[in-house]
Amino acid sequence: MRTILVILFLGLPLLAFSQVEADLSFDKKTKQIQLVLENKYNDPVLLRPKSDDEPKKATYYTITLKDKNGAIIKKREVYVYHQDSSRRGDFVIFALQKQDYSLNLSTWVDSAYSVEVRLHVEAYNPTKKIFYVNKEDITKVFLWK
């Protein structure tokens, strides 16, 4: 009985963390990062925005462009969803739905050797009043060309 309880308590956080799944890719031709976030929960979730008070609590990318020797050319943190008025609904992922996001890096630099993308996801289920936070950030490295 005690073993079952331990397994349940260890498994419950995994259920909360897996409610928003992420898939990252990079298109070498267009120099765009593509992200698909999927809400596995039966309620809508809201992606958490960055705030000045808690800058590390949000849904954001950390993009690092490097040259052939591994030296950093450019590094920047960017919201996953846009905050302009033309894309207001970007922060909502409806129940059992996917939301696509893209980030164009072609205007950042002319050339690089690699692109390192670290994704931090925090979301909130307002119906159940539950926060979802990825235990570990997702990091992927892509070749520029």
N, C-alpha and C. Protein backbone atom coordinates (compact mmCIF):
# COMPACT_ATOMS: atom_id res chain seq x y z
N MET A 1 0.82 -1.19 0.00
CA MET A 1 0.00 0.00 0.00
C MET A 1 0.87 1.26 0.00
N ARG A 2 1.89 1.24 0.81
CA ARG A 2 2.78 2.40 0.90
C ARG A 2 3.48 2.63 -0.44
N THR A 3 3.84 1.55 -1.12
CA THR A 3 4.50 1.65 -2.42
C THR A 3 3.56 2.30 -3.44
N ILE A 4 2.31 1.93 -3.41
CA ILE A 4 1.33 2.52 -4.33
C ILE A 4 1.18 4.01 -4.08
N LEU A 5 1.13 4.41 -2.82
CA LEU A 5 1.02 5.83 -2.49
C LEU A 5 2.24 6.60 -2.97
N VAL A 6 3.42 6.04 -2.79
CA VAL A 6 4.64 6.70 -3.24
C VAL A 6 4.62 6.88 -4.75
N ILE A 7 4.21 5.85 -5.48
CA ILE A 7 4.13 5.93 -6.93
C ILE A 7 3.11 6.99 -7.36
N LEU A 8 1.97 7.04 -6.69
CA LEU A 8 0.96 8.05 -7.00
C LEU A 8 1.49 9.46 -6.76
N PHE A 9 2.13 9.69 -5.61
CA PHE A 9 2.64 11.02 -5.31
C PHE A 9 3.76 11.44 -6.25
N LEU A 10 4.57 10.49 -6.67
CA LEU A 10 5.62 10.81 -7.63
C LEU A 10 5.06 11.03 -9.02
N GLY A 11 4.01 10.35 -9.37
CA GLY A 11 3.42 10.44 -10.70
C GLY A 11 2.52 11.64 -10.91
N LEU A 12 1.90 12.16 -9.85
CA LEU A 12 0.99 13.29 -9.99
C LEU A 12 1.65 14.53 -10.58
N PRO A 13 2.84 14.92 -10.13
CA PRO A 13 3.46 16.08 -10.77
C PRO A 13 3.71 15.86 -12.26
N LEU A 14 4.00 14.65 -12.66
CA LEU A 14 4.24 14.38 -14.07
C LEU A 14 2.98 14.62 -14.89
N LEU A 15 1.83 14.31 -14.32
CA LEU A 15 0.58 14.57 -15.02
C LEU A 15 0.38 16.05 -15.24
N ALA A 16 0.64 16.86 -14.24
CA ALA A 16 0.48 18.30 -14.37
C ALA A 16 1.48 18.87 -15.37
N PHE A 17 2.70 18.37 -15.36
CA PHE A 17 3.71 18.91 -16.24
C PHE A 17 3.49 18.51 -17.70
N SER A 18 2.82 17.41 -17.94
CA SER A 18 2.67 16.95 -19.31
C SER A 18 1.40 17.48 -19.97
N GLN A 19 0.68 18.37 -19.34
CA GLN A 19 -0.57 18.86 -19.90
C GLN A 19 -0.35 19.79 -21.09
N VAL A 20 0.79 20.45 -21.17
CA VAL A 20 1.12 21.30 -22.30
C VAL A 20 2.40 20.75 -22.91
N GLU A 21 2.26 20.10 -24.06
CA GLU A 21 3.42 19.51 -24.72
C GLU A 21 3.93 20.44 -25.81
N ALA A 22 5.24 20.39 -26.03
CA ALA A 22 5.87 21.30 -26.98
C ALA A 22 6.69 20.53 -28.01
N ASP A 23 6.66 21.03 -29.24
CA ASP A 23 7.48 20.49 -30.31
C ASP A 23 8.15 21.66 -31.03
N LEU A 24 9.49 21.69 -31.02
CA LEU A 24 10.27 22.75 -31.63
C LEU A 24 10.94 22.26 -32.90
N SER A 25 10.99 23.12 -33.92
CA SER A 25 11.74 22.82 -35.13
C SER A 25 12.28 24.13 -35.71
N PHE A 26 13.20 24.01 -36.67
CA PHE A 26 13.82 25.18 -37.29
C PHE A 26 13.86 24.97 -38.79
N ASP A 27 13.38 25.95 -39.54
CA ASP A 27 13.40 25.89 -41.00
C ASP A 27 14.64 26.65 -41.48
N LYS A 28 15.59 25.92 -42.06
CA LYS A 28 16.86 26.52 -42.48
C LYS A 28 16.67 27.51 -43.63
N LYS A 29 15.68 27.31 -44.47
CA LYS A 29 15.46 28.21 -45.62
C LYS A 29 14.90 29.55 -45.16
N THR A 30 13.87 29.50 -44.35
CA THR A 30 13.21 30.75 -43.93
C THR A 30 13.80 31.33 -42.65
N LYS A 31 14.64 30.54 -41.97
CA LYS A 31 15.26 30.94 -40.69
C LYS A 31 14.20 31.21 -39.63
N GLN A 32 13.17 30.38 -39.61
CA GLN A 32 12.10 30.52 -38.64
C GLN A 32 12.08 29.34 -37.68
N ILE A 33 11.86 29.66 -36.43
CA ILE A 33 11.64 28.64 -35.41
C ILE A 33 10.13 28.38 -35.39
N GLN A 34 9.78 27.11 -35.48
CA GLN A 34 8.37 26.74 -35.39
C GLN A 34 8.15 26.01 -34.07
N LEU A 35 7.10 26.40 -33.40
CA LEU A 35 6.74 25.79 -32.13
C LEU A 35 5.27 25.41 -32.19
N VAL A 36 5.00 24.20 -31.75
CA VAL A 36 3.61 23.75 -31.61
C VAL A 36 3.43 23.39 -30.14
N LEU A 37 2.51 24.08 -29.49
CA LEU A 37 2.14 23.76 -28.11
C LEU A 37 0.79 23.07 -28.15
N GLU A 38 0.69 21.94 -27.46
CA GLU A 38 -0.55 21.18 -27.45
C GLU A 38 -1.08 21.08 -26.03
N ASN A 39 -2.33 21.50 -25.86
CA ASN A 39 -3.01 21.42 -24.58
C ASN A 39 -3.65 20.04 -24.47
N LYS A 40 -3.16 19.22 -23.58
CA LYS A 40 -3.67 17.87 -23.39
C LYS A 40 -4.82 17.83 -22.38
N TYR A 41 -5.18 18.99 -21.84
CA TYR A 41 -6.19 19.05 -20.81
C TYR A 41 -7.55 19.37 -21.42
N ASN A 42 -8.61 19.03 -20.73
CA ASN A 42 -9.97 19.24 -21.23
C ASN A 42 -10.51 20.63 -20.89
N ASP A 43 -9.63 21.56 -20.60
CA ASP A 43 -9.97 22.96 -20.33
C ASP A 43 -8.96 23.83 -21.06
N PRO A 44 -9.32 25.06 -21.36
CA PRO A 44 -8.33 25.95 -21.98
C PRO A 44 -7.22 26.29 -20.98
N VAL A 45 -6.04 26.58 -21.51
CA VAL A 45 -4.95 27.06 -20.67
C VAL A 45 -4.46 28.38 -21.24
N LEU A 46 -3.93 29.21 -20.35
CA LEU A 46 -3.40 30.51 -20.73
C LEU A 46 -1.89 30.47 -20.55
N LEU A 47 -1.14 30.88 -21.57
CA LEU A 47 0.30 30.97 -21.43
C LEU A 47 0.63 32.17 -20.57
N ARG A 48 1.54 31.96 -19.67
CA ARG A 48 1.87 33.02 -18.72
C ARG A 48 2.81 34.03 -19.38
N PRO A 49 2.49 35.32 -19.29
CA PRO A 49 3.38 36.35 -19.85
C PRO A 49 4.53 36.66 -18.89
N LYS A 50 5.57 37.28 -19.43
CA LYS A 50 6.68 37.72 -18.58
C LYS A 50 6.25 39.00 -17.87
N SER A 51 6.80 39.18 -16.70
CA SER A 51 6.56 40.42 -15.99
C SER A 51 7.88 40.92 -15.43
N ASP A 52 7.95 42.19 -15.16
CA ASP A 52 9.18 42.75 -14.59
C ASP A 52 9.44 42.22 -13.18
N ASP A 53 8.37 41.87 -12.48
CA ASP A 53 8.51 41.37 -11.11
C ASP A 53 9.08 39.96 -11.06
N GLU A 54 8.67 39.12 -12.02
CA GLU A 54 9.12 37.72 -12.06
C GLU A 54 9.54 37.37 -13.48
N PRO A 55 10.73 37.83 -13.91
CA PRO A 55 11.11 37.66 -15.32
C PRO A 55 11.35 36.21 -15.74
N LYS A 56 11.62 35.31 -14.82
CA LYS A 56 11.88 33.92 -15.18
C LYS A 56 10.61 33.07 -15.12
N LYS A 57 9.48 33.67 -14.84
CA LYS A 57 8.21 32.94 -14.80
C LYS A 57 7.36 33.42 -15.97
N ALA A 58 7.41 32.65 -17.06
CA ALA A 58 6.65 33.01 -18.26
C ALA A 58 6.80 31.91 -19.28
N THR A 59 6.23 32.14 -20.44
CA THR A 59 6.43 31.24 -21.58
C THR A 59 7.28 32.02 -22.57
N TYR A 60 8.54 31.61 -22.70
CA TYR A 60 9.47 32.37 -23.53
C TYR A 60 10.56 31.48 -24.11
N TYR A 61 11.18 31.99 -25.17
CA TYR A 61 12.35 31.36 -25.77
C TYR A 61 13.60 32.10 -25.26
N THR A 62 14.69 31.38 -25.14
CA THR A 62 16.01 32.01 -25.06
C THR A 62 16.73 31.52 -26.32
N ILE A 63 17.03 32.47 -27.20
CA ILE A 63 17.65 32.15 -28.49
C ILE A 63 19.11 32.57 -28.42
N THR A 64 20.01 31.64 -28.76
CA THR A 64 21.44 31.93 -28.80
C THR A 64 21.96 31.55 -30.18
N LEU A 65 22.47 32.55 -30.91
CA LEU A 65 23.09 32.31 -32.20
C LEU A 65 24.60 32.26 -32.00
N LYS A 66 25.23 31.23 -32.55
CA LYS A 66 26.67 31.04 -32.37
C LYS A 66 27.38 30.93 -33.71
N ASP A 67 28.67 31.31 -33.70
CA ASP A 67 29.48 31.12 -34.90
C ASP A 67 30.10 29.73 -34.90
N LYS A 68 30.94 29.46 -35.89
CA LYS A 68 31.52 28.13 -36.06
C LYS A 68 32.39 27.71 -34.87
N ASN A 69 32.98 28.68 -34.18
CA ASN A 69 33.85 28.41 -33.04
C ASN A 69 33.09 28.34 -31.71
N GLY A 70 31.79 28.51 -31.76
CA GLY A 70 30.99 28.44 -30.55
C GLY A 70 30.82 29.77 -29.84
N ALA A 71 31.38 30.84 -30.40
CA ALA A 71 31.23 32.17 -29.80
C ALA A 71 29.82 32.69 -30.05
N ILE A 72 29.28 33.34 -29.06
CA ILE A 72 27.91 33.86 -29.15
C ILE A 72 27.89 35.11 -30.03
N ILE A 73 27.06 35.06 -31.06
CA ILE A 73 26.86 36.21 -31.93
C ILE A 73 25.74 37.09 -31.37
N LYS A 74 24.67 36.44 -30.96
CA LYS A 74 23.51 37.16 -30.42
C LYS A 74 22.75 36.25 -29.48
N LYS A 75 22.25 36.84 -28.40
CA LYS A 75 21.44 36.08 -27.45
C LYS A 75 20.29 36.98 -27.02
N ARG A 76 19.09 36.38 -27.00
CA ARG A 76 17.92 37.19 -26.67
C ARG A 76 16.82 36.31 -26.10
N GLU A 77 16.06 36.87 -25.16
CA GLU A 77 14.86 36.20 -24.65
C GLU A 77 13.66 36.86 -25.32
N VAL A 78 12.71 36.02 -25.76
CA VAL A 78 11.55 36.50 -26.51
C VAL A 78 10.31 35.77 -26.01
N TYR A 79 9.22 36.51 -25.87
CA TYR A 79 7.94 35.87 -25.55
C TYR A 79 7.59 34.87 -26.63
N VAL A 80 6.93 33.80 -26.27
CA VAL A 80 6.46 32.85 -27.27
C VAL A 80 5.31 33.47 -28.06
N TYR A 81 4.40 34.10 -27.38
CA TYR A 81 3.28 34.71 -28.09
C TYR A 81 3.49 36.21 -28.18
N HIS A 82 2.91 36.79 -29.20
CA HIS A 82 3.07 38.22 -29.44
C HIS A 82 2.12 39.01 -28.55
N GLN A 83 2.55 40.19 -28.20
CA GLN A 83 1.72 41.01 -27.32
C GLN A 83 1.08 42.18 -28.04
N ASP A 84 1.13 42.18 -29.38
CA ASP A 84 0.48 43.27 -30.09
C ASP A 84 -1.01 42.96 -30.26
N SER A 85 -1.78 43.99 -30.59
CA SER A 85 -3.23 43.85 -30.61
C SER A 85 -3.73 42.97 -31.77
N SER A 86 -2.92 42.76 -32.80
CA SER A 86 -3.38 41.98 -33.94
C SER A 86 -3.40 40.47 -33.65
N ARG A 87 -2.75 40.04 -32.59
CA ARG A 87 -2.69 38.61 -32.29
C ARG A 87 -3.08 38.36 -30.84
N ARG A 88 -4.18 38.91 -30.43
CA ARG A 88 -4.62 38.84 -29.04
C ARG A 88 -4.81 37.43 -28.51
N GLY A 89 -5.29 36.51 -29.31
CA GLY A 89 -5.62 35.18 -28.84
C GLY A 89 -4.45 34.22 -28.74
N ASP A 90 -3.24 34.68 -29.04
CA ASP A 90 -2.07 33.79 -29.05
C ASP A 90 -1.76 33.17 -27.69
N PHE A 91 -2.21 33.77 -26.63
CA PHE A 91 -1.86 33.26 -25.31
C PHE A 91 -2.82 32.19 -24.81
N VAL A 92 -3.89 31.92 -25.54
CA VAL A 92 -4.88 30.91 -25.14
C VAL A 92 -4.68 29.66 -26.00
N ILE A 93 -4.63 28.50 -25.33
CA ILE A 93 -4.67 27.23 -26.06
C ILE A 93 -5.93 26.52 -25.57
N PHE A 94 -6.86 26.35 -26.48
CA PHE A 94 -8.15 25.78 -26.11
C PHE A 94 -8.03 24.30 -25.77
N ALA A 95 -9.05 23.79 -25.11
CA ALA A 95 -9.07 22.40 -24.64
C ALA A 95 -8.76 21.43 -25.77
N LEU A 96 -7.78 20.55 -25.52
CA LEU A 96 -7.40 19.49 -26.44
C LEU A 96 -7.04 20.01 -27.83
N GLN A 97 -6.47 21.21 -27.89
CA GLN A 97 -6.11 21.84 -29.16
C GLN A 97 -4.61 22.13 -29.21
N LYS A 98 -4.15 22.48 -30.42
CA LYS A 98 -2.76 22.89 -30.63
C LYS A 98 -2.75 24.35 -31.04
N GLN A 99 -1.65 25.01 -30.71
CA GLN A 99 -1.44 26.39 -31.13
C GLN A 99 -0.05 26.47 -31.74
N ASP A 100 0.04 27.03 -32.94
CA ASP A 100 1.31 27.18 -33.64
C ASP A 100 1.88 28.58 -33.43
N TYR A 101 3.20 28.64 -33.28
CA TYR A 101 3.90 29.91 -33.13
C TYR A 101 5.13 29.86 -34.03
N SER A 102 5.54 31.00 -34.55
CA SER A 102 6.79 31.04 -35.31
C SER A 102 7.54 32.31 -34.94
N LEU A 103 8.85 32.21 -35.06
CA LEU A 103 9.73 33.33 -34.74
C LEU A 103 10.75 33.43 -35.87
N ASN A 104 10.77 34.56 -36.56
CA ASN A 104 11.65 34.75 -37.70
C ASN A 104 13.00 35.30 -37.22
N LEU A 105 14.06 34.54 -37.47
CA LEU A 105 15.41 34.96 -37.07
C LEU A 105 16.20 35.59 -38.21
N SER A 106 15.62 35.64 -39.42
CA SER A 106 16.38 36.14 -40.58
C SER A 106 16.77 37.60 -40.43
N THR A 107 16.05 38.36 -39.64
CA THR A 107 16.38 39.77 -39.44
C THR A 107 17.39 39.99 -38.31
N TRP A 108 17.71 38.95 -37.59
CA TRP A 108 18.62 39.09 -36.45
C TRP A 108 20.08 39.20 -36.89
N VAL A 109 20.49 38.31 -37.80
CA VAL A 109 21.87 38.29 -38.31
C VAL A 109 21.85 37.79 -39.75
N ASP A 110 22.95 38.03 -40.46
CA ASP A 110 23.05 37.52 -41.83
C ASP A 110 23.41 36.05 -41.85
N SER A 111 24.27 35.65 -40.92
CA SER A 111 24.73 34.28 -40.92
C SER A 111 25.13 33.85 -39.52
N ALA A 112 25.02 32.57 -39.29
CA ALA A 112 25.44 31.97 -38.02
C ALA A 112 25.78 30.52 -38.32
N TYR A 113 26.33 29.84 -37.36
CA TYR A 113 26.62 28.42 -37.54
C TYR A 113 25.52 27.56 -36.91
N SER A 114 25.10 27.97 -35.70
CA SER A 114 24.06 27.20 -35.02
C SER A 114 23.10 28.11 -34.27
N VAL A 115 21.94 27.55 -34.01
CA VAL A 115 20.88 28.23 -33.27
C VAL A 115 20.53 27.34 -32.09
N GLU A 116 20.70 27.85 -30.89
CA GLU A 116 20.29 27.11 -29.70
C GLU A 116 19.00 27.74 -29.20
N VAL A 117 17.98 26.92 -29.05
CA VAL A 117 16.68 27.40 -28.60
C VAL A 117 16.35 26.71 -27.28
N ARG A 118 16.14 27.52 -26.26
CA ARG A 118 15.67 27.00 -24.98
C ARG A 118 14.26 27.53 -24.79
N LEU A 119 13.35 26.62 -24.51
CA LEU A 119 11.95 26.98 -24.36
C LEU A 119 11.51 26.75 -22.92
N HIS A 120 10.93 27.77 -22.33
CA HIS A 120 10.38 27.66 -20.97
C HIS A 120 8.88 27.86 -21.10
N VAL A 121 8.10 26.89 -20.62
CA VAL A 121 6.64 26.96 -20.73
C VAL A 121 6.01 27.00 -19.35
N GLU A 122 5.19 28.02 -19.15
CA GLU A 122 4.35 28.10 -17.96
C GLU A 122 2.96 28.46 -18.44
N ALA A 123 1.98 27.72 -17.99
CA ALA A 123 0.60 27.95 -18.38
C ALA A 123 -0.30 27.84 -17.16
N TYR A 124 -1.50 28.38 -17.31
CA TYR A 124 -2.45 28.40 -16.20
C TYR A 124 -3.81 27.91 -16.69
N ASN A 125 -4.39 26.99 -15.95
CA ASN A 125 -5.74 26.52 -16.23
C ASN A 125 -6.68 27.29 -15.31
N PRO A 126 -7.40 28.30 -15.84
CA PRO A 126 -8.25 29.13 -14.97
C PRO A 126 -9.46 28.37 -14.43
N THR A 127 -9.91 27.33 -15.12
CA THR A 127 -11.06 26.56 -14.66
C THR A 127 -10.72 25.78 -13.39
N LYS A 128 -9.58 25.09 -13.43
CA LYS A 128 -9.15 24.27 -12.29
C LYS A 128 -8.19 25.00 -11.35
N LYS A 129 -7.79 26.22 -11.76
CA LYS A 129 -6.84 27.03 -10.99
C LYS A 129 -5.53 26.26 -10.73
N ILE A 130 -4.98 25.70 -11.82
CA ILE A 130 -3.75 24.92 -11.76
C ILE A 130 -2.71 25.56 -12.66
N PHE A 131 -1.48 25.71 -12.15
CA PHE A 131 -0.36 26.16 -12.97
C PHE A 131 0.36 24.95 -13.53
N TYR A 132 0.75 25.02 -14.78
CA TYR A 132 1.58 23.99 -15.41
C TYR A 132 2.93 24.61 -15.71
N VAL A 133 3.98 23.97 -15.24
CA VAL A 133 5.33 24.45 -15.49
C VAL A 133 6.16 23.25 -15.93
N ASN A 134 6.84 23.39 -17.07
CA ASN A 134 7.73 22.32 -17.48
C ASN A 134 8.84 22.19 -16.45
N LYS A 135 9.06 20.97 -15.96
CA LYS A 135 10.10 20.74 -14.95
C LYS A 135 11.45 21.18 -15.46
N GLU A 136 11.73 20.83 -16.70
CA GLU A 136 12.99 21.22 -17.32
C GLU A 136 12.68 21.95 -18.61
N ASP A 137 13.45 22.99 -18.89
CA ASP A 137 13.28 23.69 -20.14
C ASP A 137 13.68 22.76 -21.29
N ILE A 138 13.03 22.94 -22.40
CA ILE A 138 13.35 22.17 -23.60
C ILE A 138 14.44 22.93 -24.34
N THR A 139 15.54 22.26 -24.63
CA THR A 139 16.64 22.89 -25.36
C THR A 139 16.96 22.06 -26.60
N LYS A 140 17.03 22.75 -27.73
CA LYS A 140 17.40 22.10 -28.99
C LYS A 140 18.41 22.99 -29.71
N VAL A 141 19.34 22.34 -30.41
CA VAL A 141 20.33 23.05 -31.20
C VAL A 141 20.12 22.66 -32.66
N PHE A 142 20.06 23.70 -33.52
CA PHE A 142 19.87 23.50 -34.93
C PHE A 142 21.01 24.16 -35.70
N LEU A 143 21.41 23.58 -36.82
CA LEU A 143 22.39 24.21 -37.70
C LEU A 143 21.71 25.30 -38.51
N TRP A 144 22.39 26.42 -38.70
CA TRP A 144 21.84 27.57 -39.41
C TRP A 144 21.63 27.24 -40.89
N LYS A 145 22.60 26.53 -41.48
CA LYS A 145 22.50 26.20 -42.92
C LYS A 145 22.22 24.75 -43.14
